[in-house]
Amino acid sequence: MTRTDTPTEWDERSTIMAMLDYARASARAKCEGLTDEQARTAPVATSPLTNLASLIGHLRWVEFDWIETVFLGIPDQGRTPWDDDPDDVDAEMTLALRTPLATLLSDYEQQCERYNKLIADHDLDERSRNPHPGRQPVTLRWILLHLVEEISRHNGHMDIVREIVDGQTGR
C-alpha cells in the first residue's frame, strides 16, 4: 500500500478517509523491519508501555471502541483484552507485549480495512448508537476526525521511540 494523505477525490468523506488511512499506514510503517524484542523496547523508564508494540495494540483497540462499540453499538461479546483482566486499564497494551509484532500489524491492517467497509454506507452526520457513559452521542465525522488526531498523536510518540530503539527517523 502506498502511503499518501492526498485523496483521489476532493469531497469531505474522501479527504477524511485519506487522512485516516495515511495516519494508520504511518503507524504501521514505524514498525517496519523491527524484531519483536525491538518492538517491545520501552525507552521511557517511567512508562513501560510506551513501546511500538503496545502503541499499535492501543490503536487497534481504540478503533474497535470508537467504531464497533460506540458508533455501531455492537456488544463486546467477550472479544476485548479487558475481558481477560477487567482491572487492567491498559489491557490492550499489555496484551500487545505477548503478541508477535507481525500479528499485531496484520490484525490492525485487516481491522482498518474491515472498518472502512463497515462505515462506507453510513452518513458522516449519523450519530453513535452507544455513547460512552456520561457523554452524548457523536457523529461519525467526529469519530473519524478523533481517530485521525489520536493516531497522529501516537505516531509522534512512535517516532521518538523508534529513533531511540534503532536510530530510524521520520517514516
N, C-alpha and C. Protein backbone atom coordinates (compact mmCIF):
# COMPACT_ATOMS: atom_id res chain seq x y z
N MET A 1 0.84 -1.18 0.00
CA MET A 1 0.00 0.00 0.00
C MET A 1 0.88 1.24 0.00
N THR A 2 0.60 2.15 -0.90
CA THR A 2 1.33 3.41 -0.96
C THR A 2 0.71 4.38 0.04
N ARG A 3 1.55 4.98 0.85
CA ARG A 3 1.05 5.95 1.83
C ARG A 3 0.91 7.30 1.17
N THR A 4 -0.29 7.85 1.23
CA THR A 4 -0.49 9.22 0.75
C THR A 4 -1.61 9.86 1.56
N ASP A 5 -1.44 11.13 1.84
CA ASP A 5 -2.50 11.86 2.54
C ASP A 5 -3.37 12.64 1.56
N THR A 6 -3.15 12.42 0.28
CA THR A 6 -3.90 13.13 -0.75
C THR A 6 -5.04 12.24 -1.24
N PRO A 7 -6.27 12.71 -1.14
CA PRO A 7 -7.41 11.89 -1.58
C PRO A 7 -7.47 11.78 -3.10
N THR A 8 -8.16 10.76 -3.57
CA THR A 8 -8.36 10.60 -5.01
C THR A 8 -9.51 11.48 -5.49
N GLU A 9 -10.40 11.84 -4.56
CA GLU A 9 -11.48 12.79 -4.84
C GLU A 9 -11.48 13.82 -3.73
N TRP A 10 -12.09 14.98 -3.97
CA TRP A 10 -11.95 16.09 -3.05
C TRP A 10 -13.18 16.37 -2.20
N ASP A 11 -14.09 15.43 -2.10
CA ASP A 11 -15.23 15.61 -1.21
C ASP A 11 -14.76 15.39 0.24
N GLU A 12 -15.60 15.77 1.17
CA GLU A 12 -15.23 15.71 2.59
C GLU A 12 -14.89 14.29 3.04
N ARG A 13 -15.73 13.34 2.71
CA ARG A 13 -15.51 11.97 3.16
C ARG A 13 -14.19 11.42 2.62
N SER A 14 -13.93 11.61 1.34
CA SER A 14 -12.68 11.11 0.74
C SER A 14 -11.47 11.74 1.41
N THR A 15 -11.57 13.01 1.73
CA THR A 15 -10.46 13.71 2.39
C THR A 15 -10.23 13.15 3.79
N ILE A 16 -11.29 12.99 4.56
CA ILE A 16 -11.16 12.45 5.92
C ILE A 16 -10.59 11.03 5.88
N MET A 17 -11.11 10.20 4.99
CA MET A 17 -10.65 8.81 4.91
C MET A 17 -9.20 8.73 4.43
N ALA A 18 -8.80 9.62 3.53
CA ALA A 18 -7.40 9.63 3.09
C ALA A 18 -6.48 9.97 4.26
N MET A 19 -6.87 10.95 5.06
CA MET A 19 -6.06 11.32 6.21
C MET A 19 -6.01 10.20 7.25
N LEU A 20 -7.14 9.55 7.49
CA LEU A 20 -7.19 8.44 8.44
C LEU A 20 -6.33 7.28 7.96
N ASP A 21 -6.49 6.90 6.70
CA ASP A 21 -5.69 5.79 6.17
C ASP A 21 -4.20 6.12 6.17
N TYR A 22 -3.86 7.38 5.91
CA TYR A 22 -2.46 7.80 5.95
C TYR A 22 -1.90 7.68 7.37
N ALA A 23 -2.65 8.12 8.36
CA ALA A 23 -2.20 8.02 9.75
C ALA A 23 -2.02 6.56 10.14
N ARG A 24 -2.97 5.72 9.76
CA ARG A 24 -2.88 4.28 10.07
C ARG A 24 -1.65 3.66 9.41
N ALA A 25 -1.46 3.93 8.13
CA ALA A 25 -0.32 3.36 7.40
C ALA A 25 1.00 3.87 7.97
N SER A 26 1.01 5.11 8.42
CA SER A 26 2.22 5.67 9.02
C SER A 26 2.56 4.95 10.32
N ALA A 27 1.55 4.64 11.12
CA ALA A 27 1.78 3.90 12.37
C ALA A 27 2.40 2.53 12.06
N ARG A 28 1.86 1.85 11.08
CA ARG A 28 2.41 0.54 10.72
C ARG A 28 3.83 0.68 10.17
N ALA A 29 4.07 1.71 9.37
CA ALA A 29 5.40 1.91 8.77
C ALA A 29 6.47 2.14 9.84
N LYS A 30 6.09 2.72 10.95
CA LYS A 30 7.05 3.00 12.01
C LYS A 30 7.59 1.72 12.64
N CYS A 31 6.93 0.60 12.36
CA CYS A 31 7.34 -0.69 12.92
C CYS A 31 8.08 -1.57 11.91
N GLU A 32 8.20 -1.12 10.67
CA GLU A 32 8.83 -1.94 9.63
C GLU A 32 10.27 -2.29 9.98
N GLY A 33 10.59 -3.56 9.81
CA GLY A 33 11.96 -4.02 9.99
C GLY A 33 12.37 -4.28 11.43
N LEU A 34 11.46 -4.14 12.37
CA LEU A 34 11.80 -4.37 13.77
C LEU A 34 11.59 -5.83 14.16
N THR A 35 12.39 -6.29 15.10
CA THR A 35 12.16 -7.59 15.71
C THR A 35 11.09 -7.43 16.79
N ASP A 36 10.56 -8.55 17.27
CA ASP A 36 9.60 -8.48 18.37
C ASP A 36 10.24 -7.81 19.59
N GLU A 37 11.48 -8.15 19.86
CA GLU A 37 12.18 -7.56 21.01
C GLU A 37 12.30 -6.04 20.86
N GLN A 38 12.69 -5.58 19.69
CA GLN A 38 12.80 -4.13 19.47
C GLN A 38 11.43 -3.45 19.62
N ALA A 39 10.39 -4.09 19.11
CA ALA A 39 9.05 -3.50 19.18
C ALA A 39 8.56 -3.39 20.62
N ARG A 40 9.09 -4.22 21.50
CA ARG A 40 8.68 -4.20 22.91
C ARG A 40 9.62 -3.37 23.79
N THR A 41 10.66 -2.82 23.19
CA THR A 41 11.60 -2.00 23.95
C THR A 41 10.93 -0.70 24.36
N ALA A 42 10.94 -0.44 25.67
CA ALA A 42 10.31 0.76 26.23
C ALA A 42 11.41 1.68 26.76
N PRO A 43 11.81 2.68 25.97
CA PRO A 43 12.93 3.52 26.37
C PRO A 43 12.61 4.57 27.43
N VAL A 44 11.35 4.73 27.77
CA VAL A 44 10.97 5.72 28.78
C VAL A 44 10.81 4.98 30.11
N ALA A 45 11.74 5.17 31.02
CA ALA A 45 11.79 4.40 32.26
C ALA A 45 10.49 4.49 33.07
N THR A 46 9.86 5.62 33.05
CA THR A 46 8.63 5.80 33.84
C THR A 46 7.38 5.32 33.12
N SER A 47 7.53 4.83 31.90
CA SER A 47 6.38 4.42 31.11
C SER A 47 6.68 3.12 30.36
N PRO A 48 6.60 1.98 31.06
CA PRO A 48 6.99 0.71 30.44
C PRO A 48 6.11 0.26 29.28
N LEU A 49 4.96 0.88 29.11
CA LEU A 49 4.09 0.53 27.99
C LEU A 49 4.26 1.46 26.80
N THR A 50 5.20 2.40 26.90
CA THR A 50 5.49 3.26 25.76
C THR A 50 6.52 2.56 24.89
N ASN A 51 6.01 1.64 24.09
CA ASN A 51 6.82 0.90 23.13
C ASN A 51 5.97 0.73 21.88
N LEU A 52 6.59 0.38 20.77
CA LEU A 52 5.86 0.34 19.50
C LEU A 52 4.79 -0.74 19.48
N ALA A 53 5.06 -1.89 20.06
CA ALA A 53 4.06 -2.96 20.07
C ALA A 53 2.82 -2.52 20.85
N SER A 54 3.02 -1.98 22.04
CA SER A 54 1.89 -1.55 22.87
C SER A 54 1.10 -0.42 22.21
N LEU A 55 1.80 0.49 21.54
CA LEU A 55 1.10 1.58 20.88
C LEU A 55 0.25 1.07 19.70
N ILE A 56 0.76 0.10 18.95
CA ILE A 56 -0.05 -0.50 17.88
C ILE A 56 -1.26 -1.20 18.49
N GLY A 57 -1.05 -1.94 19.57
CA GLY A 57 -2.17 -2.59 20.25
C GLY A 57 -3.20 -1.58 20.71
N HIS A 58 -2.73 -0.47 21.25
CA HIS A 58 -3.64 0.58 21.70
C HIS A 58 -4.46 1.14 20.53
N LEU A 59 -3.79 1.44 19.43
CA LEU A 59 -4.50 2.00 18.27
C LEU A 59 -5.56 1.03 17.75
N ARG A 60 -5.22 -0.25 17.71
CA ARG A 60 -6.16 -1.26 17.24
C ARG A 60 -7.43 -1.26 18.09
N TRP A 61 -7.27 -1.21 19.40
CA TRP A 61 -8.43 -1.30 20.28
C TRP A 61 -9.15 0.04 20.43
N VAL A 62 -8.46 1.15 20.24
CA VAL A 62 -9.14 2.45 20.22
C VAL A 62 -10.13 2.48 19.06
N GLU A 63 -9.70 2.00 17.90
CA GLU A 63 -10.62 1.95 16.75
C GLU A 63 -11.78 1.00 17.01
N PHE A 64 -11.50 -0.13 17.62
CA PHE A 64 -12.57 -1.07 17.98
C PHE A 64 -13.61 -0.36 18.84
N ASP A 65 -13.12 0.33 19.87
CA ASP A 65 -14.04 1.00 20.79
C ASP A 65 -14.89 2.04 20.07
N TRP A 66 -14.25 2.93 19.33
CA TRP A 66 -15.00 4.02 18.70
C TRP A 66 -15.90 3.55 17.57
N ILE A 67 -15.44 2.63 16.75
CA ILE A 67 -16.24 2.24 15.58
C ILE A 67 -17.25 1.15 15.93
N GLU A 68 -16.78 0.06 16.53
CA GLU A 68 -17.71 -1.04 16.81
C GLU A 68 -18.61 -0.75 18.00
N THR A 69 -18.00 -0.40 19.12
CA THR A 69 -18.77 -0.26 20.35
C THR A 69 -19.59 1.02 20.38
N VAL A 70 -18.95 2.16 20.17
CA VAL A 70 -19.64 3.45 20.29
C VAL A 70 -20.51 3.74 19.06
N PHE A 71 -19.92 3.73 17.87
CA PHE A 71 -20.68 4.14 16.69
C PHE A 71 -21.71 3.09 16.27
N LEU A 72 -21.27 1.87 16.05
CA LEU A 72 -22.19 0.84 15.56
C LEU A 72 -23.01 0.19 16.66
N GLY A 73 -22.57 0.32 17.91
CA GLY A 73 -23.32 -0.24 19.03
C GLY A 73 -23.26 -1.76 19.11
N ILE A 74 -22.20 -2.35 18.57
CA ILE A 74 -22.05 -3.81 18.61
C ILE A 74 -21.56 -4.21 20.00
N PRO A 75 -22.28 -5.09 20.69
CA PRO A 75 -21.84 -5.52 22.03
C PRO A 75 -20.49 -6.23 21.97
N ASP A 76 -19.73 -6.12 23.04
CA ASP A 76 -18.39 -6.68 23.14
C ASP A 76 -18.38 -8.20 22.91
N GLN A 77 -19.20 -8.95 23.56
CA GLN A 77 -19.29 -10.41 23.43
C GLN A 77 -17.97 -11.11 23.73
N GLY A 78 -17.23 -10.60 24.70
CA GLY A 78 -16.02 -11.28 25.17
C GLY A 78 -14.85 -11.28 24.21
N ARG A 79 -14.72 -10.25 23.39
CA ARG A 79 -13.65 -10.23 22.39
C ARG A 79 -12.53 -9.26 22.71
N THR A 80 -12.61 -8.53 23.80
CA THR A 80 -11.61 -7.49 24.06
C THR A 80 -10.57 -7.93 25.08
N PRO A 81 -9.43 -7.26 25.12
CA PRO A 81 -8.40 -7.59 26.11
C PRO A 81 -8.89 -7.41 27.55
N TRP A 82 -9.86 -6.54 27.75
CA TRP A 82 -10.35 -6.27 29.10
C TRP A 82 -11.19 -7.41 29.64
N ASP A 83 -11.64 -8.31 28.77
CA ASP A 83 -12.41 -9.46 29.22
C ASP A 83 -11.55 -10.40 30.06
N ASP A 84 -10.26 -10.49 29.74
CA ASP A 84 -9.34 -11.35 30.49
C ASP A 84 -8.98 -10.75 31.84
N ASP A 85 -8.85 -9.44 31.90
CA ASP A 85 -8.46 -8.76 33.14
C ASP A 85 -9.12 -7.39 33.19
N PRO A 86 -10.37 -7.33 33.71
CA PRO A 86 -11.10 -6.06 33.73
C PRO A 86 -10.43 -4.97 34.57
N ASP A 87 -9.52 -5.35 35.46
CA ASP A 87 -8.85 -4.36 36.31
C ASP A 87 -7.65 -3.71 35.61
N ASP A 88 -7.21 -4.29 34.51
CA ASP A 88 -6.06 -3.75 33.78
C ASP A 88 -6.55 -2.69 32.80
N VAL A 89 -6.45 -1.43 33.18
CA VAL A 89 -6.95 -0.35 32.31
C VAL A 89 -6.13 -0.23 31.02
N ASP A 90 -4.94 -0.81 31.01
CA ASP A 90 -4.08 -0.79 29.83
C ASP A 90 -4.00 -2.17 29.18
N ALA A 91 -5.06 -2.96 29.30
CA ALA A 91 -5.04 -4.36 28.83
C ALA A 91 -4.68 -4.48 27.36
N GLU A 92 -5.12 -3.52 26.55
CA GLU A 92 -4.80 -3.59 25.12
C GLU A 92 -3.30 -3.43 24.88
N MET A 93 -2.64 -2.73 25.79
CA MET A 93 -1.20 -2.50 25.65
C MET A 93 -0.40 -3.67 26.24
N THR A 94 -0.88 -4.24 27.34
CA THR A 94 -0.17 -5.38 27.92
C THR A 94 -0.37 -6.63 27.07
N LEU A 95 -1.54 -6.80 26.47
CA LEU A 95 -1.76 -7.91 25.54
C LEU A 95 -0.77 -7.85 24.38
N ALA A 96 -0.50 -6.66 23.90
CA ALA A 96 0.42 -6.48 22.78
C ALA A 96 1.83 -6.97 23.11
N LEU A 97 2.19 -6.92 24.39
CA LEU A 97 3.52 -7.39 24.79
C LEU A 97 3.67 -8.90 24.63
N ARG A 98 2.53 -9.61 24.58
CA ARG A 98 2.55 -11.07 24.44
C ARG A 98 2.21 -11.52 23.02
N THR A 99 2.10 -10.57 22.10
CA THR A 99 1.68 -10.87 20.74
C THR A 99 2.81 -10.55 19.77
N PRO A 100 3.12 -11.46 18.84
CA PRO A 100 4.17 -11.15 17.86
C PRO A 100 3.84 -9.87 17.07
N LEU A 101 4.85 -9.08 16.78
CA LEU A 101 4.65 -7.83 16.06
C LEU A 101 3.96 -8.06 14.73
N ALA A 102 4.35 -9.09 14.00
CA ALA A 102 3.73 -9.37 12.70
C ALA A 102 2.22 -9.59 12.85
N THR A 103 1.82 -10.25 13.92
CA THR A 103 0.39 -10.48 14.18
C THR A 103 -0.31 -9.17 14.51
N LEU A 104 0.31 -8.36 15.36
CA LEU A 104 -0.27 -7.05 15.70
C LEU A 104 -0.51 -6.21 14.45
N LEU A 105 0.50 -6.15 13.60
CA LEU A 105 0.40 -5.31 12.40
C LEU A 105 -0.63 -5.87 11.42
N SER A 106 -0.64 -7.17 11.25
CA SER A 106 -1.61 -7.79 10.34
C SER A 106 -3.03 -7.60 10.85
N ASP A 107 -3.23 -7.84 12.15
CA ASP A 107 -4.57 -7.66 12.74
C ASP A 107 -5.04 -6.22 12.58
N TYR A 108 -4.15 -5.27 12.83
CA TYR A 108 -4.52 -3.86 12.73
C TYR A 108 -4.86 -3.50 11.29
N GLU A 109 -4.05 -3.95 10.34
CA GLU A 109 -4.32 -3.64 8.93
C GLU A 109 -5.66 -4.24 8.48
N GLN A 110 -5.90 -5.50 8.84
CA GLN A 110 -7.16 -6.14 8.47
C GLN A 110 -8.35 -5.45 9.11
N GLN A 111 -8.18 -5.06 10.36
CA GLN A 111 -9.25 -4.37 11.06
C GLN A 111 -9.56 -3.03 10.38
N CYS A 112 -8.54 -2.29 10.01
CA CYS A 112 -8.74 -1.00 9.35
C CYS A 112 -9.51 -1.17 8.04
N GLU A 113 -9.14 -2.17 7.27
CA GLU A 113 -9.85 -2.44 6.02
C GLU A 113 -11.31 -2.80 6.30
N ARG A 114 -11.52 -3.63 7.32
CA ARG A 114 -12.88 -4.03 7.70
C ARG A 114 -13.71 -2.82 8.13
N TYR A 115 -13.12 -1.95 8.94
CA TYR A 115 -13.86 -0.77 9.41
C TYR A 115 -14.19 0.17 8.27
N ASN A 116 -13.27 0.32 7.34
CA ASN A 116 -13.57 1.18 6.18
C ASN A 116 -14.80 0.67 5.45
N LYS A 117 -14.93 -0.65 5.34
CA LYS A 117 -16.11 -1.23 4.68
C LYS A 117 -17.36 -1.07 5.54
N LEU A 118 -17.23 -1.28 6.84
CA LEU A 118 -18.38 -1.18 7.74
C LEU A 118 -19.00 0.21 7.75
N ILE A 119 -18.17 1.23 7.67
CA ILE A 119 -18.70 2.60 7.77
C ILE A 119 -18.98 3.24 6.42
N ALA A 120 -18.63 2.56 5.34
CA ALA A 120 -18.74 3.16 4.00
C ALA A 120 -20.14 3.65 3.67
N ASP A 121 -21.16 2.95 4.13
CA ASP A 121 -22.53 3.31 3.79
C ASP A 121 -23.21 4.18 4.84
N HIS A 122 -22.46 4.61 5.84
CA HIS A 122 -23.02 5.45 6.89
C HIS A 122 -22.71 6.92 6.59
N ASP A 123 -23.69 7.76 6.81
CA ASP A 123 -23.54 9.20 6.60
C ASP A 123 -22.62 9.78 7.68
N LEU A 124 -21.82 10.76 7.32
CA LEU A 124 -20.93 11.40 8.29
C LEU A 124 -21.69 12.07 9.43
N ASP A 125 -22.94 12.44 9.19
CA ASP A 125 -23.74 13.09 10.23
C ASP A 125 -24.48 12.08 11.12
N GLU A 126 -24.38 10.80 10.81
CA GLU A 126 -25.05 9.78 11.63
C GLU A 126 -24.44 9.77 13.02
N ARG A 127 -25.32 9.65 14.01
CA ARG A 127 -24.87 9.67 15.41
C ARG A 127 -24.58 8.27 15.94
N SER A 128 -23.70 8.22 16.91
CA SER A 128 -23.31 6.95 17.52
C SER A 128 -24.49 6.33 18.26
N ARG A 129 -24.53 5.01 18.25
CA ARG A 129 -25.63 4.26 18.88
C ARG A 129 -25.39 4.00 20.36
N ASN A 130 -24.14 3.99 20.78
CA ASN A 130 -23.80 3.59 22.14
C ASN A 130 -22.71 4.51 22.70
N PRO A 131 -23.08 5.76 23.05
CA PRO A 131 -22.05 6.70 23.52
C PRO A 131 -21.39 6.23 24.81
N HIS A 132 -20.19 6.72 25.03
CA HIS A 132 -19.51 6.43 26.29
C HIS A 132 -20.38 6.93 27.44
N PRO A 133 -20.33 6.26 28.60
CA PRO A 133 -21.14 6.68 29.75
C PRO A 133 -20.90 8.15 30.08
N GLY A 134 -22.00 8.86 30.27
CA GLY A 134 -21.93 10.27 30.63
C GLY A 134 -21.67 11.21 29.47
N ARG A 135 -21.59 10.68 28.26
CA ARG A 135 -21.33 11.52 27.08
C ARG A 135 -22.51 11.44 26.13
N GLN A 136 -22.65 12.46 25.34
CA GLN A 136 -23.72 12.48 24.34
C GLN A 136 -23.28 11.72 23.09
N PRO A 137 -24.23 11.28 22.27
CA PRO A 137 -23.85 10.65 21.01
C PRO A 137 -23.04 11.63 20.15
N VAL A 138 -22.11 11.09 19.40
CA VAL A 138 -21.28 11.89 18.50
C VAL A 138 -21.49 11.40 17.07
N THR A 139 -21.13 12.23 16.11
CA THR A 139 -21.32 11.85 14.71
C THR A 139 -20.16 10.98 14.23
N LEU A 140 -20.39 10.27 13.14
CA LEU A 140 -19.32 9.50 12.51
C LEU A 140 -18.19 10.44 12.11
N ARG A 141 -18.52 11.63 11.63
CA ARG A 141 -17.49 12.62 11.25
C ARG A 141 -16.57 12.89 12.44
N TRP A 142 -17.17 13.15 13.62
CA TRP A 142 -16.38 13.44 14.81
C TRP A 142 -15.49 12.25 15.16
N ILE A 143 -16.04 11.04 15.10
CA ILE A 143 -15.26 9.84 15.43
C ILE A 143 -14.07 9.70 14.49
N LEU A 144 -14.29 9.86 13.20
CA LEU A 144 -13.19 9.71 12.23
C LEU A 144 -12.12 10.77 12.44
N LEU A 145 -12.54 12.01 12.69
CA LEU A 145 -11.56 13.07 12.95
C LEU A 145 -10.83 12.83 14.27
N HIS A 146 -11.54 12.33 15.26
CA HIS A 146 -10.90 11.99 16.53
C HIS A 146 -9.85 10.89 16.31
N LEU A 147 -10.17 9.90 15.49
CA LEU A 147 -9.21 8.84 15.21
C LEU A 147 -7.98 9.37 14.48
N VAL A 148 -8.18 10.29 13.53
CA VAL A 148 -7.03 10.91 12.86
C VAL A 148 -6.14 11.59 13.91
N GLU A 149 -6.75 12.33 14.82
CA GLU A 149 -5.99 13.02 15.87
C GLU A 149 -5.29 12.03 16.78
N GLU A 150 -6.01 11.03 17.24
CA GLU A 150 -5.45 10.04 18.18
C GLU A 150 -4.27 9.29 17.56
N ILE A 151 -4.47 8.77 16.36
CA ILE A 151 -3.41 8.00 15.70
C ILE A 151 -2.21 8.90 15.40
N SER A 152 -2.46 10.11 14.93
CA SER A 152 -1.37 11.04 14.60
C SER A 152 -0.57 11.42 15.84
N ARG A 153 -1.26 11.63 16.95
CA ARG A 153 -0.56 11.96 18.20
C ARG A 153 0.36 10.81 18.61
N HIS A 154 -0.17 9.59 18.54
CA HIS A 154 0.65 8.44 18.90
C HIS A 154 1.75 8.18 17.87
N ASN A 155 1.54 8.58 16.62
CA ASN A 155 2.62 8.48 15.63
C ASN A 155 3.82 9.31 16.06
N GLY A 156 3.56 10.45 16.67
CA GLY A 156 4.66 11.27 17.19
C GLY A 156 5.41 10.55 18.29
N HIS A 157 4.67 9.88 19.18
CA HIS A 157 5.33 9.09 20.22
C HIS A 157 6.16 7.98 19.59
N MET A 158 5.56 7.34 18.56
CA MET A 158 6.25 6.23 17.90
C MET A 158 7.52 6.70 17.19
N ASP A 159 7.51 7.90 16.64
CA ASP A 159 8.72 8.46 16.02
C ASP A 159 9.86 8.51 17.03
N ILE A 160 9.57 9.02 18.21
CA ILE A 160 10.60 9.16 19.24
C ILE A 160 11.09 7.80 19.70
N VAL A 161 10.15 6.89 19.98
CA VAL A 161 10.53 5.55 20.44
C VAL A 161 11.39 4.85 19.38
N ARG A 162 10.96 4.91 18.14
CA ARG A 162 11.71 4.24 17.07
C ARG A 162 13.13 4.80 16.96
N GLU A 163 13.27 6.10 17.05
CA GLU A 163 14.60 6.70 16.94
C GLU A 163 15.50 6.24 18.09
N ILE A 164 14.94 6.12 19.28
CA ILE A 164 15.74 5.66 20.41
C ILE A 164 16.09 4.18 20.25
N VAL A 165 15.16 3.38 19.74
CA VAL A 165 15.37 1.93 19.62
C VAL A 165 16.45 1.60 18.60
N ASP A 166 16.38 2.20 17.40
CA ASP A 166 17.36 1.80 16.37
C ASP A 166 17.86 2.94 15.49
N GLY A 167 17.54 4.17 15.84
CA GLY A 167 18.07 5.30 15.09
C GLY A 167 17.26 5.72 13.87
N GLN A 168 16.24 4.95 13.50
CA GLN A 168 15.41 5.31 12.34
C GLN A 168 14.55 6.52 12.69
N THR A 169 14.38 7.40 11.73
CA THR A 169 13.58 8.60 11.96
C THR A 169 12.55 8.81 10.86
N GLY A 170 11.50 9.54 11.23
CA GLY A 170 10.53 10.10 10.29
C GLY A 170 10.00 9.23 9.19
N ARG A 171 9.49 8.09 9.50
CA ARG A 171 8.93 7.21 8.46
C ARG A 171 7.47 7.47 8.28
